[in-house]
Amino acid sequence: MTIPTDDVFFSKTEKGKPDVEFLKDHFYREGRIKEEHALCIIDKATQLLLVEPNVLTVDAPVTGALAIASLSVCFLIDSCSLR
């Protein structure tokens, strides 16, 4: 499986937004993405979560095991409406 290019990663219909359907399929197949694409997803999710009234702000440091499974990433992409 190859790492997607910008042409594949970004939506053809919504400029600057990831192609959600492609990403869901890609992550379900345990595909990988470029660091810049991961940072794009993180940035968009951060923007959405900053205005979400149900998110708690926690002071650093946060300790413990922090892990996100690829299926959780798919859920976040779908739920956060990165479309």
PDB file of N, CA and C in Angstrom:
ATOM      1  N   MET A   1       0.854  -1.167   0.000  1.00  0.00           N
ATOM      2  CA  MET A   1       0.000   0.000   0.000  1.00  0.00           C
ATOM      3  C   MET A   1       0.904   1.234   0.000  1.00  0.00           C
ATOM      4  N   THR A   2       0.577   2.168  -0.856  1.00  0.00           N
ATOM      5  CA  THR A   2       1.404   3.365  -0.978  1.00  0.00           C
ATOM      6  C   THR A   2       0.870   4.500  -0.112  1.00  0.00           C
ATOM      7  N   ILE A   3       1.751   5.436   0.210  1.00  0.00           N
ATOM      8  CA  ILE A   3       1.348   6.630   0.964  1.00  0.00           C
ATOM      9  C   ILE A   3       0.680   7.576  -0.028  1.00  0.00           C
ATOM     10  N   PRO A   4      -0.524   8.080   0.297  1.00  0.00           N
ATOM     11  CA  PRO A   4      -1.267   8.900  -0.660  1.00  0.00           C
ATOM     12  C   PRO A   4      -0.593  10.244  -0.947  1.00  0.00           C
ATOM     13  N   THR A   5      -0.743  10.678  -2.188  1.00  0.00           N
ATOM     14  CA  THR A   5      -0.281  11.995  -2.605  1.00  0.00           C
ATOM     15  C   THR A   5      -1.338  13.027  -2.220  1.00  0.00           C
ATOM     16  N   ASP A   6      -1.015  14.310  -2.384  1.00  0.00           N
ATOM     17  CA  ASP A   6      -1.984  15.373  -2.110  1.00  0.00           C
ATOM     18  C   ASP A   6      -3.249  15.198  -2.961  1.00  0.00           C
ATOM     19  N   ASP A   7      -3.071  14.783  -4.218  1.00  0.00           N
ATOM     20  CA  ASP A   7      -4.221  14.606  -5.111  1.00  0.00           C
ATOM     21  C   ASP A   7      -5.209  13.572  -4.593  1.00  0.00           C
ATOM     22  N   VAL A   8      -4.702  12.562  -3.908  1.00  0.00           N
ATOM     23  CA  VAL A   8      -5.562  11.503  -3.379  1.00  0.00           C
ATOM     24  C   VAL A   8      -6.076  11.878  -1.986  1.00  0.00           C
ATOM     25  N   PHE A   9      -5.219  12.486  -1.167  1.00  0.00           N
ATOM     26  CA  PHE A   9      -5.567  12.806   0.224  1.00  0.00           C
ATOM     27  C   PHE A   9      -6.669  13.864   0.318  1.00  0.00           C
ATOM     28  N   PHE A  10      -6.581  14.904  -0.496  1.00  0.00           N
ATOM     29  CA  PHE A  10      -7.545  16.007  -0.392  1.00  0.00           C
ATOM     30  C   PHE A  10      -8.769  15.779  -1.270  1.00  0.00           C
ATOM     31  N   SER A  11      -9.903  16.276  -0.786  1.00  0.00           N
ATOM     32  CA  SER A  11     -11.182  16.141  -1.476  1.00  0.00           C
ATOM     33  C   SER A  11     -11.148  16.872  -2.819  1.00  0.00           C
ATOM     34  N   LYS A  12     -11.788  16.280  -3.787  1.00  0.00           N
ATOM     35  CA  LYS A  12     -11.893  16.912  -5.107  1.00  0.00           C
ATOM     36  C   LYS A  12     -12.964  18.007  -5.111  1.00  0.00           C
ATOM     37  N   THR A  13     -13.934  17.910  -4.189  1.00  0.00           N
ATOM     38  CA  THR A  13     -15.055  18.851  -4.189  1.00  0.00           C
ATOM     39  C   THR A  13     -14.958  19.930  -3.115  1.00  0.00           C
ATOM     40  N   GLU A  14     -14.212  19.674  -2.034  1.00  0.00           N
ATOM     41  CA  GLU A  14     -14.097  20.658  -0.952  1.00  0.00           C
ATOM     42  C   GLU A  14     -12.630  21.002  -0.743  1.00  0.00           C
ATOM     43  N   LYS A  15     -12.235  22.123  -1.298  1.00  0.00           N
ATOM     44  CA  LYS A  15     -10.832  22.542  -1.286  1.00  0.00           C
ATOM     45  C   LYS A  15     -10.257  22.609   0.134  1.00  0.00           C
ATOM     46  N   GLY A  16      -9.092  22.005   0.304  1.00  0.00           N
ATOM     47  CA  GLY A  16      -8.386  22.053   1.578  1.00  0.00           C
ATOM     48  C   GLY A  16      -8.847  21.060   2.618  1.00  0.00           C
ATOM     49  N   LYS A  17      -9.863  20.269   2.304  1.00  0.00           N
ATOM     50  CA  LYS A  17     -10.360  19.275   3.263  1.00  0.00           C
ATOM     51  C   LYS A  17      -9.977  17.875   2.803  1.00  0.00           C
ATOM     52  N   PRO A  18      -9.653  17.001   3.760  1.00  0.00           N
ATOM     53  CA  PRO A  18      -9.305  15.625   3.393  1.00  0.00           C
ATOM     54  C   PRO A  18     -10.493  14.887   2.759  1.00  0.00           C
ATOM     55  N   ASP A  19     -10.186  13.929   1.918  1.00  0.00           N
ATOM     56  CA  ASP A  19     -11.199  13.067   1.320  1.00  0.00           C
ATOM     57  C   ASP A  19     -11.559  12.004   2.352  1.00  0.00           C
ATOM     58  N   VAL A  20     -12.653  12.222   3.051  1.00  0.00           N
ATOM     59  CA  VAL A  20     -13.038  11.381   4.182  1.00  0.00           C
ATOM     60  C   VAL A  20     -13.261   9.928   3.767  1.00  0.00           C
ATOM     61  N   GLU A  21     -13.948   9.712   2.686  1.00  0.00           N
ATOM     62  CA  GLU A  21     -14.222   8.333   2.252  1.00  0.00           C
ATOM     63  C   GLU A  21     -12.925   7.601   1.923  1.00  0.00           C
ATOM     64  N   PHE A  22     -12.003   8.273   1.242  1.00  0.00           N
ATOM     65  CA  PHE A  22     -10.714   7.653   0.953  1.00  0.00           C
ATOM     66  C   PHE A  22      -9.982   7.318   2.247  1.00  0.00           C
ATOM     67  N   LEU A  23      -9.935   8.291   3.189  1.00  0.00           N
ATOM     68  CA  LEU A  23      -9.202   8.078   4.439  1.00  0.00           C
ATOM     69  C   LEU A  23      -9.789   6.946   5.267  1.00  0.00           C
ATOM     70  N   LYS A  24     -11.107   6.862   5.346  1.00  0.00           N
ATOM     71  CA  LYS A  24     -11.721   5.767   6.099  1.00  0.00           C
ATOM     72  C   LYS A  24     -11.277   4.426   5.534  1.00  0.00           C
ATOM     73  N   ASP A  25     -11.335   4.281   4.226  1.00  0.00           N
ATOM     74  CA  ASP A  25     -10.922   3.028   3.591  1.00  0.00           C
ATOM     75  C   ASP A  25      -9.430   2.794   3.797  1.00  0.00           C
ATOM     76  N   HIS A  26      -8.638   3.832   3.626  1.00  0.00           N
ATOM     77  CA  HIS A  26      -7.184   3.730   3.766  1.00  0.00           C
ATOM     78  C   HIS A  26      -6.800   3.307   5.181  1.00  0.00           C
ATOM     79  N   PHE A  27      -7.417   3.926   6.202  1.00  0.00           N
ATOM     80  CA  PHE A  27      -7.097   3.582   7.588  1.00  0.00           C
ATOM     81  C   PHE A  27      -7.637   2.206   7.976  1.00  0.00           C
ATOM     82  N   TYR A  28      -8.794   1.820   7.458  1.00  0.00           N
ATOM     83  CA  TYR A  28      -9.314   0.478   7.739  1.00  0.00           C
ATOM     84  C   TYR A  28      -8.356  -0.584   7.222  1.00  0.00           C
ATOM     85  N   ARG A  29      -7.668  -0.264   6.115  1.00  0.00           N
ATOM     86  CA  ARG A  29      -6.697  -1.203   5.557  1.00  0.00           C
ATOM     87  C   ARG A  29      -5.304  -0.985   6.163  1.00  0.00           C
ATOM     88  N   GLU A  30      -5.264  -0.202   7.284  1.00  0.00           N
ATOM     89  CA  GLU A  30      -4.031   0.089   8.018  1.00  0.00           C
ATOM     90  C   GLU A  30      -2.998   0.807   7.165  1.00  0.00           C
ATOM     91  N   GLY A  31      -3.498   1.691   6.296  1.00  0.00           N
ATOM     92  CA  GLY A  31      -2.605   2.490   5.467  1.00  0.00           C
ATOM     93  C   GLY A  31      -1.942   3.599   6.271  1.00  0.00           C
ATOM     94  N   ARG A  32      -0.887   4.127   5.721  1.00  0.00           N
ATOM     95  CA  ARG A  32      -0.149   5.219   6.359  1.00  0.00           C
ATOM     96  C   ARG A  32      -0.298   6.480   5.525  1.00  0.00           C
ATOM     97  N   ILE A  33      -0.081   7.619   6.185  1.00  0.00           N
ATOM     98  CA  ILE A  33      -0.146   8.902   5.495  1.00  0.00           C
ATOM     99  C   ILE A  33       1.110   9.705   5.808  1.00  0.00           C
ATOM    100  N   LYS A  34       1.345  10.751   5.000  1.00  0.00           N
ATOM    101  CA  LYS A  34       2.499  11.624   5.222  1.00  0.00           C
ATOM    102  C   LYS A  34       2.298  12.427   6.505  1.00  0.00           C
ATOM    103  N   GLU A  35       3.399  12.837   7.105  1.00  0.00           N
ATOM    104  CA  GLU A  35       3.337  13.629   8.330  1.00  0.00           C
ATOM    105  C   GLU A  35       2.527  14.909   8.113  1.00  0.00           C
ATOM    106  N   GLU A  36       2.711  15.562   6.986  1.00  0.00           N
ATOM    107  CA  GLU A  36       1.972  16.806   6.727  1.00  0.00           C
ATOM    108  C   GLU A  36       0.463  16.563   6.641  1.00  0.00           C
ATOM    109  N   HIS A  37       0.067  15.391   6.161  1.00  0.00           N
ATOM    110  CA  HIS A  37      -1.364  15.059   6.107  1.00  0.00           C
ATOM    111  C   HIS A  37      -1.902  14.783   7.509  1.00  0.00           C
ATOM    112  N   ALA A  38      -1.101  14.096   8.329  1.00  0.00           N
ATOM    113  CA  ALA A  38      -1.506  13.847   9.719  1.00  0.00           C
ATOM    114  C   ALA A  38      -1.658  15.175  10.458  1.00  0.00           C
ATOM    115  N   LEU A  39      -0.729  16.097  10.235  1.00  0.00           N
ATOM    116  CA  LEU A  39      -0.811  17.407  10.882  1.00  0.00           C
ATOM    117  C   LEU A  39      -2.029  18.195  10.408  1.00  0.00           C
ATOM    118  N   CYS A  40      -2.411  18.017   9.157  1.00  0.00           N
ATOM    119  CA  CYS A  40      -3.627  18.663   8.632  1.00  0.00           C
ATOM    120  C   CYS A  40      -4.853  18.146   9.383  1.00  0.00           C
ATOM    121  N   ILE A  41      -4.945  16.831   9.573  1.00  0.00           N
ATOM    122  CA  ILE A  41      -6.070  16.239  10.302  1.00  0.00           C
ATOM    123  C   ILE A  41      -6.069  16.726  11.748  1.00  0.00           C
ATOM    124  N   ILE A  42      -4.900  16.741  12.378  1.00  0.00           N
ATOM    125  CA  ILE A  42      -4.793  17.199  13.765  1.00  0.00           C
ATOM    126  C   ILE A  42      -5.206  18.659  13.885  1.00  0.00           C
ATOM    127  N   ASP A  43      -4.761  19.493  12.948  1.00  0.00           N
ATOM    128  CA  ASP A  43      -5.102  20.916  12.973  1.00  0.00           C
ATOM    129  C   ASP A  43      -6.604  21.129  12.830  1.00  0.00           C
ATOM    130  N   LYS A  44      -7.220  20.434  11.887  1.00  0.00           N
ATOM    131  CA  LYS A  44      -8.676  20.587  11.687  1.00  0.00           C
ATOM    132  C   LYS A  44      -9.458  20.071  12.894  1.00  0.00           C
ATOM    133  N   ALA A  45      -9.022  18.951  13.475  1.00  0.00           N
ATOM    134  CA  ALA A  45      -9.691  18.420  14.667  1.00  0.00           C
ATOM    135  C   ALA A  45      -9.523  19.384  15.841  1.00  0.00           C
ATOM    136  N   THR A  46      -8.333  19.976  15.975  1.00  0.00           N
ATOM    137  CA  THR A  46      -8.084  20.945  17.051  1.00  0.00           C
ATOM    138  C   THR A  46      -8.994  22.157  16.904  1.00  0.00           C
ATOM    139  N   GLN A  47      -9.121  22.674  15.689  1.00  0.00           N
ATOM    140  CA  GLN A  47     -10.003  23.820  15.439  1.00  0.00           C
ATOM    141  C   GLN A  47     -11.431  23.512  15.856  1.00  0.00           C
ATOM    142  N   LEU A  48     -11.904  22.310  15.526  1.00  0.00           N
ATOM    143  CA  LEU A  48     -13.269  21.922  15.880  1.00  0.00           C
ATOM    144  C   LEU A  48     -13.433  21.741  17.388  1.00  0.00           C
ATOM    145  N   LEU A  49     -12.453  21.106  18.024  1.00  0.00           N
ATOM    146  CA  LEU A  49     -12.555  20.832  19.459  1.00  0.00           C
ATOM    147  C   LEU A  49     -12.431  22.101  20.306  1.00  0.00           C
ATOM    148  N   LEU A  50     -11.704  23.106  19.811  1.00  0.00           N
ATOM    149  CA  LEU A  50     -11.555  24.356  20.566  1.00  0.00           C
ATOM    150  C   LEU A  50     -12.871  25.101  20.737  1.00  0.00           C
ATOM    151  N   VAL A  51     -13.790  24.917  19.808  1.00  0.00           N
ATOM    152  CA  VAL A  51     -15.085  25.600  19.911  1.00  0.00           C
ATOM    153  C   VAL A  51     -16.188  24.698  20.454  1.00  0.00           C
ATOM    154  N   GLU A  52     -15.849  23.445  20.743  1.00  0.00           N
ATOM    155  CA  GLU A  52     -16.819  22.490  21.282  1.00  0.00           C
ATOM    156  C   GLU A  52     -17.003  22.745  22.777  1.00  0.00           C
ATOM    157  N   PRO A  53     -18.241  23.046  23.218  1.00  0.00           N
ATOM    158  CA  PRO A  53     -18.468  23.378  24.622  1.00  0.00           C
ATOM    159  C   PRO A  53     -18.348  22.190  25.586  1.00  0.00           C
ATOM    160  N   ASN A  54     -18.343  20.968  25.074  1.00  0.00           N
ATOM    161  CA  ASN A  54     -18.298  19.796  25.954  1.00  0.00           C
ATOM    162  C   ASN A  54     -16.898  19.240  26.151  1.00  0.00           C
ATOM    163  N   VAL A  55     -15.865  19.963  25.725  1.00  0.00           N
ATOM    164  CA  VAL A  55     -14.490  19.492  25.863  1.00  0.00           C
ATOM    165  C   VAL A  55     -13.844  20.172  27.057  1.00  0.00           C
ATOM    166  N   LEU A  56     -13.205  19.377  27.912  1.00  0.00           N
ATOM    167  CA  LEU A  56     -12.516  19.909  29.087  1.00  0.00           C
ATOM    168  C   LEU A  56     -11.108  20.353  28.731  1.00  0.00           C
ATOM    169  N   THR A  57     -10.660  21.430  29.369  1.00  0.00           N
ATOM    170  CA  THR A  57      -9.279  21.861  29.242  1.00  0.00           C
ATOM    171  C   THR A  57      -8.514  21.325  30.435  1.00  0.00           C
ATOM    172  N   VAL A  58      -7.417  20.624  30.172  1.00  0.00           N
ATOM    173  CA  VAL A  58      -6.634  19.988  31.230  1.00  0.00           C
ATOM    174  C   VAL A  58      -5.222  20.559  31.176  1.00  0.00           C
ATOM    175  N   ASP A  59      -4.698  20.969  32.344  1.00  0.00           N
ATOM    176  CA  ASP A  59      -3.335  21.485  32.407  1.00  0.00           C
ATOM    177  C   ASP A  59      -2.330  20.365  32.184  1.00  0.00           C
ATOM    178  N   ALA A  60      -1.223  20.721  31.576  1.00  0.00           N
ATOM    179  CA  ALA A  60      -0.130  19.766  31.371  1.00  0.00           C
ATOM    180  C   ALA A  60       0.635  19.608  32.671  1.00  0.00           C
ATOM    181  N   PRO A  61       1.319  18.548  32.907  1.00  0.00           N
ATOM    182  CA  PRO A  61       1.476  17.409  32.005  1.00  0.00           C
ATOM    183  C   PRO A  61       0.356  16.401  32.173  1.00  0.00           C
ATOM    184  N   VAL A  62       0.014  15.786  31.083  1.00  0.00           N
ATOM    185  CA  VAL A  62      -0.930  14.675  31.112  1.00  0.00           C
ATOM    186  C   VAL A  62      -0.082  13.411  31.053  1.00  0.00           C
ATOM    187  N   THR A  63      -0.260  12.535  32.022  1.00  0.00           N
ATOM    188  CA  THR A  63       0.556  11.323  32.059  1.00  0.00           C
ATOM    189  C   THR A  63      -0.305  10.096  31.805  1.00  0.00           C
ATOM    190  N   GLY A  64       0.345   9.040  31.445  1.00  0.00           N
ATOM    191  CA  GLY A  64      -0.356   7.790  31.170  1.00  0.00           C
ATOM    192  C   GLY A  64      -0.181   7.410  29.720  1.00  0.00           C
ATOM    193  N   ALA A  65      -0.700   6.284  29.371  1.00  0.00           N
ATOM    194  CA  ALA A  65      -0.570   5.799  28.001  1.00  0.00           C
ATOM    195  C   ALA A  65      -1.616   6.478  27.124  1.00  0.00           C
ATOM    196  N   LEU A  66      -1.159   7.145  26.101  1.00  0.00           N
ATOM    197  CA  LEU A  66      -2.064   7.785  25.151  1.00  0.00           C
ATOM    198  C   LEU A  66      -1.926   7.058  23.822  1.00  0.00           C
ATOM    199  N   ALA A  67      -2.976   6.378  23.414  1.00  0.00           N
ATOM    200  CA  ALA A  67      -2.928   5.643  22.155  1.00  0.00           C
ATOM    201  C   ALA A  67      -4.257   5.798  21.440  1.00  0.00           C
ATOM    202  N   ILE A  68      -4.185   5.972  20.132  1.00  0.00           N
ATOM    203  CA  ILE A  68      -5.400   6.058  19.320  1.00  0.00           C
ATOM    204  C   ILE A  68      -5.294   5.007  18.233  1.00  0.00           C
ATOM    205  N   ALA A  69      -6.216   4.086  18.227  1.00  0.00           N
ATOM    206  CA  ALA A  69      -6.243   3.050  17.195  1.00  0.00           C
ATOM    207  C   ALA A  69      -6.728   3.663  15.888  1.00  0.00           C
ATOM    208  N   SER A  70      -6.361   3.067  14.785  1.00  0.00           N
ATOM    209  CA  SER A  70      -6.757   3.613  13.486  1.00  0.00           C
ATOM    210  C   SER A  70      -8.271   3.679  13.337  1.00  0.00           C
ATOM    211  N   LEU A  71      -8.998   2.764  13.951  1.00  0.00           N
ATOM    212  CA  LEU A  71     -10.461   2.827  13.881  1.00  0.00           C
ATOM    213  C   LEU A  71     -10.986   4.044  14.632  1.00  0.00           C
ATOM    214  N   SER A  72     -10.310   4.423  15.715  1.00  0.00           N
ATOM    215  CA  SER A  72     -10.712   5.621  16.449  1.00  0.00           C
ATOM    216  C   SER A  72     -10.481   6.861  15.608  1.00  0.00           C
ATOM    217  N   VAL A  73      -9.404   6.869  14.837  1.00  0.00           N
ATOM    218  CA  VAL A  73      -9.133   7.988  13.949  1.00  0.00           C
ATOM    219  C   VAL A  73     -10.241   8.098  12.910  1.00  0.00           C
ATOM    220  N   CYS A  74     -10.665   6.954  12.383  1.00  0.00           N
ATOM    221  CA  CYS A  74     -11.766   6.962  11.410  1.00  0.00           C
ATOM    222  C   CYS A  74     -13.033   7.517  12.050  1.00  0.00           C
ATOM    223  N   PHE A  75     -13.300   7.130  13.278  1.00  0.00           N
ATOM    224  CA  PHE A  75     -14.470   7.628  13.988  1.00  0.00           C
ATOM    225  C   PHE A  75     -14.368   9.140  14.166  1.00  0.00           C
ATOM    226  N   LEU A  76     -13.192   9.637  14.564  1.00  0.00           N
ATOM    227  CA  LEU A  76     -13.006  11.073  14.737  1.00  0.00           C
ATOM    228  C   LEU A  76     -13.213  11.837  13.429  1.00  0.00           C
ATOM    229  N   ILE A  77     -12.656  11.306  12.357  1.00  0.00           N
ATOM    230  CA  ILE A  77     -12.811  11.965  11.066  1.00  0.00           C
ATOM    231  C   ILE A  77     -14.278  12.046  10.700  1.00  0.00           C
ATOM    232  N   ASP A  78     -14.985  10.957  10.897  1.00  0.00           N
ATOM    233  CA  ASP A  78     -16.410  10.918  10.580  1.00  0.00           C
ATOM    234  C   ASP A  78     -17.215  11.827  11.509  1.00  0.00           C
ATOM    235  N   SER A  79     -16.945  11.756  12.805  1.00  0.00           N
ATOM    236  CA  SER A  79     -17.708  12.503  13.799  1.00  0.00           C
ATOM    237  C   SER A  79     -17.421  13.989  13.788  1.00  0.00           C
ATOM    238  N   CYS A  80     -16.182  14.355  13.512  1.00  0.00           N
ATOM    239  CA  CYS A  80     -15.804  15.770  13.547  1.00  0.00           C
ATOM    240  C   CYS A  80     -16.164  16.484  12.260  1.00  0.00           C
ATOM    241  N   SER A  81     -16.737  15.770  11.335  1.00  0.00           N
ATOM    242  CA  SER A  81     -17.166  16.365  10.086  1.00  0.00           C
ATOM    243  C   SER A  81     -16.040  17.114   9.397  1.00  0.00           C
ATOM    244  N   LEU A  82     -14.926  16.422   9.172  1.00  0.00           N
ATOM    245  CA  LEU A  82     -13.815  17.021   8.460  1.00  0.00           C
ATOM    246  C   LEU A  82     -14.101  17.063   6.965  1.00  0.00           C
ATOM    247  N   ARG A  83     -15.331  16.849   6.637  1.00  0.00           N
ATOM    248  CA  ARG A  83     -15.715  16.811   5.215  1.00  0.00           C
ATOM    249  C   ARG A  83     -15.793  18.176   4.631  1.00  0.00           C
TER     250      ARG A  83
END
